[in-house]
N, C-alpha and C. Protein backbone atom coordinates (compact mmCIF):
# COMPACT_ATOMS: atom_id res chain seq x y z
N MET A 1 -16.94 47.44 -9.57
CA MET A 1 -15.87 47.62 -8.59
C MET A 1 -16.42 47.37 -7.20
N VAL A 2 -15.58 47.34 -6.23
CA VAL A 2 -15.93 47.01 -4.86
C VAL A 2 -16.95 47.98 -4.27
N GLU A 3 -16.95 49.26 -4.67
CA GLU A 3 -17.86 50.24 -4.10
C GLU A 3 -19.31 49.81 -4.26
N LEU A 4 -19.62 49.05 -5.29
CA LEU A 4 -20.98 48.60 -5.52
C LEU A 4 -21.44 47.61 -4.46
N HIS A 5 -20.52 47.04 -3.73
CA HIS A 5 -20.83 46.02 -2.74
C HIS A 5 -20.65 46.53 -1.31
N THR A 6 -20.81 47.82 -1.09
CA THR A 6 -20.56 48.40 0.23
C THR A 6 -21.41 47.75 1.30
N HIS A 7 -22.70 47.58 1.05
CA HIS A 7 -23.57 46.96 2.06
C HIS A 7 -23.11 45.54 2.37
N GLU A 8 -22.77 44.79 1.33
CA GLU A 8 -22.31 43.42 1.52
C GLU A 8 -21.04 43.40 2.36
N ILE A 9 -20.10 44.27 2.07
CA ILE A 9 -18.86 44.34 2.83
C ILE A 9 -19.14 44.70 4.28
N ASP A 10 -20.04 45.67 4.49
CA ASP A 10 -20.39 46.07 5.85
C ASP A 10 -20.98 44.91 6.64
N THR A 11 -21.89 44.17 6.03
CA THR A 11 -22.52 43.06 6.75
C THR A 11 -21.53 41.93 7.02
N VAL A 12 -20.61 41.70 6.10
CA VAL A 12 -19.60 40.66 6.33
C VAL A 12 -18.67 41.08 7.47
N PHE A 13 -18.20 42.33 7.45
CA PHE A 13 -17.34 42.78 8.55
C PHE A 13 -18.07 42.74 9.88
N HIS A 14 -19.36 43.10 9.87
CA HIS A 14 -20.14 43.01 11.11
C HIS A 14 -20.19 41.56 11.60
N ALA A 15 -20.46 40.65 10.69
CA ALA A 15 -20.53 39.23 11.08
C ALA A 15 -19.19 38.73 11.61
N LEU A 16 -18.10 39.19 11.00
CA LEU A 16 -16.76 38.74 11.42
C LEU A 16 -16.26 39.46 12.67
N SER A 17 -16.97 40.47 13.11
CA SER A 17 -16.50 41.26 14.26
C SER A 17 -16.64 40.52 15.58
N ASP A 18 -17.34 39.42 15.59
CA ASP A 18 -17.56 38.67 16.82
C ASP A 18 -16.77 37.37 16.80
N ALA A 19 -16.03 37.12 17.88
CA ALA A 19 -15.17 35.93 17.96
C ALA A 19 -15.97 34.63 17.87
N THR A 20 -17.15 34.61 18.46
CA THR A 20 -17.98 33.40 18.41
C THR A 20 -18.37 33.09 16.97
N ARG A 21 -18.77 34.12 16.24
CA ARG A 21 -19.16 33.88 14.84
C ARG A 21 -17.96 33.47 13.99
N ARG A 22 -16.80 34.07 14.26
CA ARG A 22 -15.59 33.65 13.51
C ARG A 22 -15.29 32.18 13.80
N HIS A 23 -15.44 31.77 15.05
CA HIS A 23 -15.19 30.37 15.41
C HIS A 23 -16.19 29.45 14.72
N MET A 24 -17.46 29.88 14.67
CA MET A 24 -18.48 29.08 13.97
C MET A 24 -18.11 28.91 12.50
N LEU A 25 -17.67 29.99 11.86
CA LEU A 25 -17.25 29.89 10.46
C LEU A 25 -16.09 28.93 10.29
N GLN A 26 -15.15 29.02 11.22
CA GLN A 26 -14.00 28.12 11.16
C GLN A 26 -14.46 26.66 11.28
N GLU A 27 -15.41 26.40 12.16
CA GLU A 27 -15.95 25.05 12.30
C GLU A 27 -16.60 24.58 10.99
N LEU A 28 -17.28 25.49 10.34
CA LEU A 28 -17.98 25.14 9.10
C LEU A 28 -17.03 24.87 7.94
N THR A 29 -15.78 25.27 8.06
CA THR A 29 -14.82 24.94 6.99
C THR A 29 -14.55 23.44 6.97
N GLN A 30 -14.86 22.76 8.07
CA GLN A 30 -14.66 21.31 8.15
C GLN A 30 -15.87 20.53 7.63
N GLY A 31 -16.95 21.24 7.32
CA GLY A 31 -18.16 20.59 6.82
C GLY A 31 -19.38 21.11 7.55
N GLU A 32 -20.54 20.64 7.11
CA GLU A 32 -21.77 21.15 7.71
C GLU A 32 -21.88 20.74 9.17
N ARG A 33 -22.57 21.59 9.93
CA ARG A 33 -22.77 21.38 11.36
C ARG A 33 -24.21 21.74 11.71
N THR A 34 -24.71 21.11 12.76
CA THR A 34 -26.01 21.49 13.28
C THR A 34 -25.84 22.72 14.17
N VAL A 35 -26.94 23.39 14.46
CA VAL A 35 -26.90 24.54 15.35
C VAL A 35 -26.34 24.10 16.71
N GLY A 36 -26.77 22.93 17.17
CA GLY A 36 -26.28 22.40 18.45
C GLY A 36 -24.77 22.18 18.45
N GLN A 37 -24.24 21.66 17.35
CA GLN A 37 -22.79 21.45 17.26
C GLN A 37 -22.05 22.78 17.25
N LEU A 38 -22.63 23.79 16.63
CA LEU A 38 -21.98 25.10 16.62
C LEU A 38 -22.08 25.79 17.99
N ALA A 39 -23.14 25.50 18.72
CA ALA A 39 -23.33 26.12 20.04
C ALA A 39 -22.46 25.46 21.11
N GLU A 40 -22.24 24.18 20.99
CA GLU A 40 -21.59 23.39 22.04
C GLU A 40 -20.26 23.95 22.57
N PRO A 41 -19.30 24.31 21.74
CA PRO A 41 -18.02 24.77 22.27
C PRO A 41 -18.12 26.10 23.04
N HIS A 42 -19.24 26.80 22.87
CA HIS A 42 -19.39 28.11 23.48
C HIS A 42 -20.29 28.09 24.70
N ALA A 43 -20.77 26.92 25.09
CA ALA A 43 -21.66 26.77 26.25
C ALA A 43 -22.80 27.80 26.17
N MET A 44 -23.45 27.85 25.02
CA MET A 44 -24.56 28.79 24.84
C MET A 44 -25.82 28.03 24.46
N SER A 45 -26.93 28.67 24.64
CA SER A 45 -28.21 28.05 24.29
C SER A 45 -28.35 27.97 22.77
N LEU A 46 -29.28 27.13 22.34
CA LEU A 46 -29.54 27.03 20.91
C LEU A 46 -30.10 28.35 20.38
N ALA A 47 -30.87 29.04 21.21
CA ALA A 47 -31.42 30.34 20.79
C ALA A 47 -30.31 31.36 20.56
N ALA A 48 -29.33 31.39 21.47
CA ALA A 48 -28.20 32.32 21.31
C ALA A 48 -27.37 31.97 20.07
N ALA A 49 -27.13 30.66 19.87
CA ALA A 49 -26.38 30.23 18.69
C ALA A 49 -27.14 30.59 17.43
N SER A 50 -28.45 30.42 17.47
CA SER A 50 -29.27 30.74 16.31
C SER A 50 -29.19 32.23 15.96
N LYS A 51 -29.11 33.09 16.96
CA LYS A 51 -28.96 34.52 16.69
C LYS A 51 -27.64 34.81 15.98
N HIS A 52 -26.57 34.16 16.43
CA HIS A 52 -25.28 34.32 15.76
C HIS A 52 -25.36 33.82 14.32
N ILE A 53 -26.00 32.69 14.14
CA ILE A 53 -26.11 32.11 12.80
C ILE A 53 -26.94 33.01 11.89
N LYS A 54 -27.97 33.65 12.44
CA LYS A 54 -28.78 34.58 11.63
C LYS A 54 -27.93 35.75 11.13
N VAL A 55 -27.00 36.23 11.96
CA VAL A 55 -26.10 37.31 11.53
C VAL A 55 -25.22 36.80 10.39
N LEU A 56 -24.71 35.58 10.53
CA LEU A 56 -23.88 35.00 9.47
C LEU A 56 -24.70 34.78 8.20
N GLU A 57 -25.95 34.36 8.37
CA GLU A 57 -26.83 34.18 7.21
C GLU A 57 -27.11 35.51 6.51
N SER A 58 -27.37 36.56 7.29
CA SER A 58 -27.67 37.85 6.66
C SER A 58 -26.47 38.40 5.91
N ALA A 59 -25.27 37.99 6.30
CA ALA A 59 -24.06 38.39 5.57
C ALA A 59 -23.80 37.47 4.38
N GLY A 60 -24.61 36.43 4.25
CA GLY A 60 -24.45 35.49 3.14
C GLY A 60 -23.34 34.48 3.35
N LEU A 61 -22.81 34.40 4.57
CA LEU A 61 -21.68 33.50 4.85
C LEU A 61 -22.12 32.08 5.21
N VAL A 62 -23.37 31.93 5.59
CA VAL A 62 -23.88 30.62 6.02
C VAL A 62 -25.22 30.37 5.35
N ARG A 63 -25.43 29.14 4.95
CA ARG A 63 -26.71 28.67 4.43
C ARG A 63 -27.25 27.65 5.43
N ARG A 64 -28.51 27.82 5.79
CA ARG A 64 -29.13 26.90 6.75
C ARG A 64 -30.18 26.08 6.02
N GLU A 65 -30.15 24.78 6.23
CA GLU A 65 -31.12 23.87 5.64
C GLU A 65 -31.83 23.17 6.78
N ILE A 66 -33.14 23.13 6.70
CA ILE A 66 -33.93 22.51 7.77
C ILE A 66 -34.37 21.14 7.29
N GLN A 67 -33.98 20.13 8.06
CA GLN A 67 -34.37 18.74 7.79
C GLN A 67 -35.12 18.24 9.01
N GLY A 68 -36.43 18.34 8.96
CA GLY A 68 -37.24 17.99 10.13
C GLY A 68 -37.00 19.00 11.23
N ARG A 69 -36.52 18.51 12.38
CA ARG A 69 -36.21 19.41 13.49
C ARG A 69 -34.75 19.82 13.52
N THR A 70 -33.98 19.32 12.59
CA THR A 70 -32.55 19.59 12.56
C THR A 70 -32.25 20.72 11.59
N HIS A 71 -31.48 21.68 12.08
CA HIS A 71 -31.03 22.79 11.23
C HIS A 71 -29.56 22.56 10.91
N LEU A 72 -29.26 22.31 9.63
CA LEU A 72 -27.89 22.10 9.18
C LEU A 72 -27.35 23.40 8.59
N CYS A 73 -26.15 23.75 8.98
CA CYS A 73 -25.51 24.98 8.48
C CYS A 73 -24.31 24.62 7.63
N ARG A 74 -24.19 25.37 6.53
CA ARG A 74 -23.05 25.20 5.62
C ARG A 74 -22.40 26.55 5.38
N LEU A 75 -21.11 26.52 5.21
CA LEU A 75 -20.36 27.73 4.89
C LEU A 75 -20.59 28.10 3.43
N ASP A 76 -20.80 29.38 3.18
CA ASP A 76 -20.84 29.92 1.83
C ASP A 76 -19.77 31.02 1.76
N PRO A 77 -18.58 30.70 1.26
CA PRO A 77 -17.48 31.67 1.30
C PRO A 77 -17.56 32.78 0.26
N GLY A 78 -18.57 32.78 -0.59
CA GLY A 78 -18.68 33.77 -1.65
C GLY A 78 -18.49 35.21 -1.21
N PRO A 79 -19.20 35.68 -0.18
CA PRO A 79 -19.03 37.08 0.24
C PRO A 79 -17.62 37.41 0.71
N LEU A 80 -16.89 36.41 1.14
CA LEU A 80 -15.50 36.66 1.56
C LEU A 80 -14.64 37.09 0.38
N ALA A 81 -15.01 36.68 -0.84
CA ALA A 81 -14.25 37.07 -2.03
C ALA A 81 -14.33 38.58 -2.24
N THR A 82 -15.52 39.16 -1.99
CA THR A 82 -15.67 40.61 -2.13
C THR A 82 -14.83 41.34 -1.11
N VAL A 83 -14.84 40.84 0.12
CA VAL A 83 -14.04 41.45 1.18
C VAL A 83 -12.55 41.30 0.87
N HIS A 84 -12.18 40.14 0.36
CA HIS A 84 -10.77 39.91 -0.01
C HIS A 84 -10.33 40.88 -1.09
N GLU A 85 -11.20 41.11 -2.07
CA GLU A 85 -10.89 42.06 -3.14
C GLU A 85 -10.68 43.46 -2.56
N TRP A 86 -11.55 43.84 -1.63
CA TRP A 86 -11.46 45.15 -0.99
C TRP A 86 -10.16 45.27 -0.20
N LEU A 87 -9.83 44.24 0.56
CA LEU A 87 -8.59 44.26 1.34
C LEU A 87 -7.35 44.22 0.45
N SER A 88 -7.43 43.53 -0.67
CA SER A 88 -6.29 43.44 -1.59
C SER A 88 -5.88 44.80 -2.13
N PHE A 89 -6.86 45.67 -2.37
CA PHE A 89 -6.54 47.01 -2.83
C PHE A 89 -5.63 47.70 -1.81
N TYR A 90 -5.99 47.60 -0.53
CA TYR A 90 -5.20 48.26 0.51
C TYR A 90 -3.87 47.55 0.74
N GLU A 91 -3.83 46.27 0.53
CA GLU A 91 -2.55 45.55 0.63
C GLU A 91 -1.59 46.05 -0.44
N ARG A 92 -2.09 46.20 -1.68
CA ARG A 92 -1.25 46.72 -2.77
C ARG A 92 -0.84 48.16 -2.47
N PHE A 93 -1.77 48.96 -1.95
CA PHE A 93 -1.48 50.35 -1.61
C PHE A 93 -0.35 50.42 -0.60
N TRP A 94 -0.46 49.67 0.50
CA TRP A 94 0.56 49.75 1.55
C TRP A 94 1.87 49.10 1.12
N SER A 95 1.78 48.04 0.33
CA SER A 95 3.01 47.42 -0.17
C SER A 95 3.78 48.40 -1.04
N GLY A 96 3.07 49.12 -1.91
CA GLY A 96 3.72 50.13 -2.76
C GLY A 96 4.35 51.23 -1.92
N ARG A 97 3.64 51.68 -0.90
CA ARG A 97 4.19 52.73 -0.03
C ARG A 97 5.42 52.24 0.72
N LEU A 98 5.36 51.02 1.22
CA LEU A 98 6.49 50.48 1.97
C LEU A 98 7.69 50.24 1.05
N ASP A 99 7.43 49.81 -0.19
CA ASP A 99 8.52 49.64 -1.16
C ASP A 99 9.19 50.98 -1.44
N ALA A 100 8.39 52.03 -1.59
CA ALA A 100 8.95 53.37 -1.84
C ALA A 100 9.77 53.84 -0.65
N LEU A 101 9.28 53.58 0.55
CA LEU A 101 10.01 53.95 1.76
C LEU A 101 11.33 53.19 1.84
N GLU A 102 11.31 51.91 1.51
CA GLU A 102 12.53 51.11 1.53
C GLU A 102 13.56 51.67 0.54
N ARG A 103 13.11 52.04 -0.67
CA ARG A 103 14.00 52.63 -1.67
C ARG A 103 14.63 53.93 -1.14
N LEU A 104 13.81 54.78 -0.55
CA LEU A 104 14.32 56.05 -0.01
C LEU A 104 15.34 55.81 1.10
N LEU A 105 15.07 54.86 1.96
CA LEU A 105 16.01 54.57 3.05
C LEU A 105 17.33 54.02 2.51
N LYS A 106 17.26 53.17 1.50
CA LYS A 106 18.48 52.63 0.90
C LYS A 106 19.29 53.75 0.23
N GLU A 107 18.59 54.62 -0.49
CA GLU A 107 19.27 55.76 -1.12
C GLU A 107 19.91 56.65 -0.07
N ASN A 108 19.22 56.90 1.00
CA ASN A 108 19.74 57.73 2.09
C ASN A 108 20.98 57.07 2.72
N ASP A 109 20.91 55.76 2.95
CA ASP A 109 22.06 55.04 3.50
C ASP A 109 23.25 55.11 2.55
N ALA A 110 23.01 54.97 1.25
CA ALA A 110 24.09 55.01 0.26
C ALA A 110 24.74 56.39 0.24
N ARG A 111 23.92 57.46 0.29
CA ARG A 111 24.47 58.82 0.33
C ARG A 111 25.28 59.03 1.61
N LYS A 112 24.78 58.55 2.70
CA LYS A 112 25.46 58.72 3.99
C LYS A 112 26.80 57.99 3.97
N THR A 113 26.84 56.79 3.44
CA THR A 113 28.08 56.03 3.34
C THR A 113 29.08 56.74 2.44
N ALA A 114 28.60 57.24 1.30
CA ALA A 114 29.49 57.95 0.37
C ALA A 114 30.04 59.22 1.01
N THR A 115 29.22 59.95 1.74
CA THR A 115 29.66 61.18 2.41
C THR A 115 30.71 60.86 3.47
N GLU A 116 30.47 59.84 4.24
CA GLU A 116 31.44 59.44 5.28
C GLU A 116 32.76 59.03 4.66
N ARG A 117 32.70 58.31 3.56
CA ARG A 117 33.92 57.85 2.87
C ARG A 117 34.68 59.05 2.30
N ASP A 118 33.97 60.02 1.73
CA ASP A 118 34.62 61.18 1.12
C ASP A 118 35.19 62.15 2.14
N THR A 119 34.66 62.18 3.33
CA THR A 119 35.14 63.14 4.34
C THR A 119 36.22 62.59 5.25
N LYS A 120 36.55 61.33 5.10
CA LYS A 120 37.63 60.77 5.93
C LYS A 120 38.96 61.36 5.49
N LEU A 121 39.81 61.69 6.45
CA LEU A 121 41.14 62.19 6.14
C LEU A 121 42.02 61.04 5.68
N PRO A 122 42.96 61.34 4.77
CA PRO A 122 43.86 60.27 4.33
C PRO A 122 44.74 59.85 5.50
N PRO A 123 45.17 58.63 5.54
CA PRO A 123 45.99 58.17 6.66
C PRO A 123 47.31 58.93 6.68
N SER A 124 47.76 59.24 7.88
CA SER A 124 49.03 59.99 8.00
C SER A 124 50.19 59.06 7.75
N LYS A 125 51.30 59.65 7.21
CA LYS A 125 52.51 58.85 6.89
C LYS A 125 53.34 58.70 8.16
N PRO A 126 53.93 57.53 8.34
CA PRO A 126 54.78 57.35 9.51
C PRO A 126 55.98 58.28 9.46
N GLY A 127 56.36 58.82 10.61
CA GLY A 127 57.54 59.69 10.70
C GLY A 127 57.22 61.15 10.51
N ASN A 128 56.01 61.50 10.27
CA ASN A 128 55.62 62.89 10.11
C ASN A 128 54.98 63.47 11.37
N ASP A 129 55.39 63.01 12.52
CA ASP A 129 54.83 63.48 13.79
C ASP A 129 55.57 64.71 14.23
N THR A 130 55.17 65.86 13.88
CA THR A 130 55.81 67.10 14.33
C THR A 130 54.85 67.99 15.01
């Protein structure tokens, strides 16, 4: 079950907690990128980009391959499946709660409508104004 992957989930959420790292992951969905290509849109040094990439690597979200002086990064979406499974539990939980709330509100509205209908006075007959 998901509880066995607590550390993995924690590291993935930590990696995703930064907008720069989320943007880097989004870039990697289009294919592999060099560290320089990942750094460029953020106007950051290669050292700063490398620190972000190391966080993504430690979460298992990125694989880095070194070809000479070039560091190529690839997305590894595997850890996201564990996080998705964890989030899905809560989605089902809240969906069930919201469905129950919707049922209760509909039942309440139906009772209210029935009560209003039953308490209305019958229309008065013309000519009985005394």
